[in-house]
């Protein structure tokens, strides 16, 4: 199951390997501050993890582009219009 990084709650984020309660809170606070995570660099910064670790976590993520009706299978891949 893939997790949408921009709308997942604390519990769903903690289901990702390497993301515990503290990192989940950091991700939520960061994404609210910048109105959404759109790159692996932002994920690394938000969770305060290495770029390598963020790239590994990327495998279990999806990203819904804010209000645009677009969805990406991964935040770092090109979005496709879903309607």
N, C-alpha and C. Protein backbone atom coordinates (compact mmCIF):
# COMPACT_ATOMS: atom_id res chain seq x y z
N UNK A 1 0.84 -1.18 0.00
CA UNK A 1 0.00 0.00 0.00
C UNK A 1 0.88 1.24 0.00
N UNK A 2 0.57 2.20 -0.85
CA UNK A 2 1.33 3.42 -0.91
C UNK A 2 0.72 4.48 0.00
N UNK A 3 1.56 5.35 0.50
CA UNK A 3 1.15 6.40 1.42
C UNK A 3 1.28 7.74 0.72
N UNK A 4 0.24 8.56 0.79
CA UNK A 4 0.30 9.90 0.21
C UNK A 4 0.98 10.81 1.24
N UNK A 5 2.17 11.26 0.91
CA UNK A 5 2.99 12.03 1.85
C UNK A 5 2.32 13.34 2.26
N UNK A 6 1.45 13.88 1.43
CA UNK A 6 0.85 15.19 1.72
C UNK A 6 -0.50 15.14 2.41
N UNK A 7 -1.04 13.94 2.65
CA UNK A 7 -2.28 13.90 3.44
C UNK A 7 -2.31 12.77 4.46
N UNK A 8 -1.23 12.01 4.56
CA UNK A 8 -1.17 10.92 5.54
C UNK A 8 -1.09 11.49 6.95
N UNK A 9 -1.77 10.83 7.87
CA UNK A 9 -1.70 11.20 9.28
C UNK A 9 -0.46 10.64 9.93
N UNK A 10 -0.29 10.96 11.20
CA UNK A 10 0.88 10.50 11.94
C UNK A 10 1.02 8.98 11.90
N UNK A 11 -0.09 8.28 12.11
CA UNK A 11 -0.05 6.82 12.17
C UNK A 11 0.38 6.22 10.84
N UNK A 12 -0.17 6.73 9.75
CA UNK A 12 0.19 6.20 8.42
C UNK A 12 1.66 6.46 8.11
N UNK A 13 2.15 7.62 8.48
CA UNK A 13 3.56 7.92 8.25
C UNK A 13 4.46 7.00 9.06
N UNK A 14 4.03 6.66 10.27
CA UNK A 14 4.82 5.77 11.11
C UNK A 14 4.87 4.34 10.57
N UNK A 15 3.97 4.00 9.67
CA UNK A 15 4.00 2.68 9.05
C UNK A 15 5.16 2.54 8.07
N UNK A 16 5.75 3.67 7.68
CA UNK A 16 6.89 3.65 6.77
C UNK A 16 8.15 3.26 7.55
N UNK A 17 8.91 2.33 7.02
CA UNK A 17 10.14 1.91 7.69
C UNK A 17 11.07 3.11 7.88
N UNK A 18 11.51 3.32 9.09
CA UNK A 18 12.42 4.41 9.39
C UNK A 18 11.75 5.68 9.87
N UNK A 19 10.40 5.70 9.89
CA UNK A 19 9.66 6.87 10.35
C UNK A 19 8.94 6.52 11.64
N UNK A 20 9.38 7.11 12.72
CA UNK A 20 8.75 6.91 14.02
C UNK A 20 7.89 8.12 14.36
N UNK A 21 7.41 8.18 15.60
CA UNK A 21 6.53 9.28 15.99
C UNK A 21 7.16 10.67 15.81
N UNK A 22 8.42 10.82 16.18
CA UNK A 22 9.08 12.12 16.08
C UNK A 22 9.21 12.57 14.62
N UNK A 23 9.67 11.69 13.75
CA UNK A 23 9.81 12.05 12.34
C UNK A 23 8.45 12.28 11.68
N UNK A 24 7.45 11.50 12.08
CA UNK A 24 6.10 11.71 11.53
C UNK A 24 5.61 13.12 11.86
N UNK A 25 5.81 13.54 13.10
CA UNK A 25 5.41 14.90 13.50
C UNK A 25 6.18 15.95 12.70
N UNK A 26 7.48 15.72 12.51
CA UNK A 26 8.30 16.66 11.75
C UNK A 26 7.81 16.80 10.31
N UNK A 27 7.46 15.67 9.70
CA UNK A 27 6.96 15.70 8.32
C UNK A 27 5.65 16.48 8.24
N UNK A 28 4.72 16.21 9.16
CA UNK A 28 3.43 16.90 9.14
C UNK A 28 3.62 18.40 9.34
N UNK A 29 4.41 18.79 10.31
CA UNK A 29 4.64 20.22 10.56
C UNK A 29 5.31 20.89 9.37
N UNK A 30 6.29 20.24 8.80
CA UNK A 30 7.01 20.80 7.65
C UNK A 30 6.08 20.98 6.45
N UNK A 31 5.31 19.92 6.13
CA UNK A 31 4.44 20.01 4.95
C UNK A 31 3.35 21.07 5.13
N UNK A 32 2.89 21.28 6.37
CA UNK A 32 1.90 22.33 6.61
C UNK A 32 2.53 23.71 6.45
N UNK A 33 3.78 23.85 6.83
CA UNK A 33 4.49 25.12 6.72
C UNK A 33 4.72 25.52 5.26
N UNK A 34 5.08 24.53 4.44
CA UNK A 34 5.40 24.84 3.04
C UNK A 34 4.25 24.49 2.09
N UNK A 35 3.13 24.07 2.64
CA UNK A 35 1.94 23.70 1.86
C UNK A 35 2.19 22.53 0.92
N UNK A 36 2.89 21.52 1.40
CA UNK A 36 3.06 20.30 0.64
C UNK A 36 4.51 19.99 0.31
N UNK A 37 4.84 18.72 0.38
CA UNK A 37 6.17 18.24 0.03
C UNK A 37 6.15 17.84 -1.44
N UNK A 38 7.09 18.36 -2.20
CA UNK A 38 7.10 18.10 -3.64
C UNK A 38 8.40 17.52 -4.16
N UNK A 39 9.36 17.24 -3.27
CA UNK A 39 10.63 16.67 -3.74
C UNK A 39 11.24 15.78 -2.66
N UNK A 40 12.13 14.92 -3.09
CA UNK A 40 12.83 14.05 -2.16
C UNK A 40 13.72 14.89 -1.23
N UNK A 41 14.24 16.00 -1.72
CA UNK A 41 15.03 16.90 -0.87
C UNK A 41 14.18 17.46 0.26
N UNK A 42 12.94 17.84 -0.04
CA UNK A 42 12.05 18.37 0.99
C UNK A 42 11.70 17.28 2.00
N UNK A 43 11.49 16.06 1.54
CA UNK A 43 11.21 14.96 2.47
C UNK A 43 12.39 14.76 3.40
N UNK A 44 13.60 14.76 2.86
CA UNK A 44 14.80 14.59 3.69
C UNK A 44 14.89 15.71 4.72
N UNK A 45 14.63 16.93 4.29
CA UNK A 45 14.68 18.08 5.21
C UNK A 45 13.58 17.97 6.26
N UNK A 46 12.38 17.61 5.84
CA UNK A 46 11.24 17.53 6.76
C UNK A 46 11.48 16.49 7.84
N UNK A 47 11.94 15.32 7.45
CA UNK A 47 12.12 14.22 8.40
C UNK A 47 13.50 14.25 9.05
N UNK A 48 14.33 15.18 8.60
CA UNK A 48 15.71 15.29 9.11
C UNK A 48 16.44 13.97 8.95
N UNK A 49 16.39 13.48 7.71
CA UNK A 49 17.07 12.24 7.36
C UNK A 49 17.97 12.48 6.16
N UNK A 50 18.80 11.51 5.85
CA UNK A 50 19.70 11.65 4.71
C UNK A 50 18.91 11.55 3.40
N UNK A 51 19.48 12.10 2.37
CA UNK A 51 18.86 12.01 1.05
C UNK A 51 18.71 10.54 0.64
N UNK A 52 19.69 9.73 0.97
CA UNK A 52 19.63 8.30 0.64
C UNK A 52 18.43 7.63 1.32
N UNK A 53 18.23 7.94 2.60
CA UNK A 53 17.09 7.38 3.34
C UNK A 53 15.77 7.87 2.76
N UNK A 54 15.71 9.15 2.40
CA UNK A 54 14.49 9.71 1.79
C UNK A 54 14.20 9.02 0.46
N UNK A 55 15.22 8.73 -0.30
CA UNK A 55 15.01 8.03 -1.58
C UNK A 55 14.48 6.63 -1.35
N UNK A 56 14.92 5.96 -0.28
CA UNK A 56 14.41 4.62 0.04
C UNK A 56 12.93 4.70 0.43
N UNK A 57 12.58 5.66 1.25
CA UNK A 57 11.20 5.84 1.68
C UNK A 57 10.30 6.18 0.49
N UNK A 58 10.86 6.87 -0.48
CA UNK A 58 10.14 7.26 -1.69
C UNK A 58 9.41 6.08 -2.34
N UNK A 59 9.93 4.90 -2.22
CA UNK A 59 9.33 3.72 -2.84
C UNK A 59 7.92 3.44 -2.34
N UNK A 60 7.58 3.92 -1.16
CA UNK A 60 6.27 3.66 -0.57
C UNK A 60 5.36 4.88 -0.58
N UNK A 61 5.69 5.89 -1.39
CA UNK A 61 4.95 7.14 -1.35
C UNK A 61 4.19 7.44 -2.63
N UNK A 62 3.12 8.21 -2.47
CA UNK A 62 2.45 8.86 -3.58
C UNK A 62 2.31 10.33 -3.19
N UNK A 63 1.97 11.14 -4.15
CA UNK A 63 1.82 12.57 -3.89
C UNK A 63 0.61 13.08 -4.65
N UNK A 64 -0.33 13.67 -3.95
CA UNK A 64 -1.46 14.31 -4.61
C UNK A 64 -1.14 15.78 -4.71
N UNK A 65 -1.07 16.27 -5.92
CA UNK A 65 -0.74 17.68 -6.13
C UNK A 65 -1.92 18.51 -5.63
N UNK A 66 -1.65 19.50 -4.82
CA UNK A 66 -2.68 20.28 -4.15
C UNK A 66 -3.74 20.86 -5.06
N UNK A 67 -4.93 20.30 -5.03
CA UNK A 67 -6.09 20.84 -5.71
C UNK A 67 -6.08 20.78 -7.22
N UNK A 68 -5.05 20.18 -7.82
CA UNK A 68 -4.94 20.24 -9.27
C UNK A 68 -5.56 19.04 -9.97
N UNK A 69 -5.96 18.03 -9.20
CA UNK A 69 -6.51 16.83 -9.82
C UNK A 69 -5.44 15.95 -10.43
N UNK A 70 -4.19 16.19 -10.07
CA UNK A 70 -3.09 15.38 -10.57
C UNK A 70 -2.58 14.48 -9.47
N UNK A 71 -2.10 13.32 -9.86
CA UNK A 71 -1.51 12.40 -8.89
C UNK A 71 -0.23 11.84 -9.49
N UNK A 72 0.77 11.70 -8.67
CA UNK A 72 2.02 11.09 -9.10
C UNK A 72 2.17 9.77 -8.37
N UNK A 73 2.75 8.78 -9.03
CA UNK A 73 2.99 7.51 -8.36
C UNK A 73 4.11 7.66 -7.35
N UNK A 74 4.89 8.67 -7.48
CA UNK A 74 5.94 9.02 -6.54
C UNK A 74 6.11 10.52 -6.62
N UNK A 75 6.45 11.17 -5.51
CA UNK A 75 6.60 12.63 -5.57
C UNK A 75 7.67 13.08 -6.54
N UNK A 76 8.55 12.22 -6.91
CA UNK A 76 9.70 12.63 -7.71
C UNK A 76 9.53 12.23 -9.17
N UNK A 77 8.37 11.72 -9.53
CA UNK A 77 8.08 11.36 -10.91
C UNK A 77 7.05 12.35 -11.47
N UNK A 78 6.95 12.41 -12.76
CA UNK A 78 6.01 13.32 -13.41
C UNK A 78 4.57 12.95 -13.07
N UNK A 79 3.77 13.94 -12.77
CA UNK A 79 2.35 13.71 -12.47
C UNK A 79 1.57 13.45 -13.75
N UNK A 80 0.46 12.75 -13.60
CA UNK A 80 -0.45 12.54 -14.73
C UNK A 80 -1.82 13.04 -14.32
N UNK A 81 -2.56 13.58 -15.24
CA UNK A 81 -3.89 14.11 -14.95
C UNK A 81 -4.87 12.95 -14.81
N UNK A 82 -5.61 12.93 -13.69
CA UNK A 82 -6.57 11.86 -13.46
C UNK A 82 -8.01 12.34 -13.58
N UNK A 83 -8.21 13.48 -14.10
CA UNK A 83 -9.59 13.88 -14.33
C UNK A 83 -9.84 15.26 -13.97
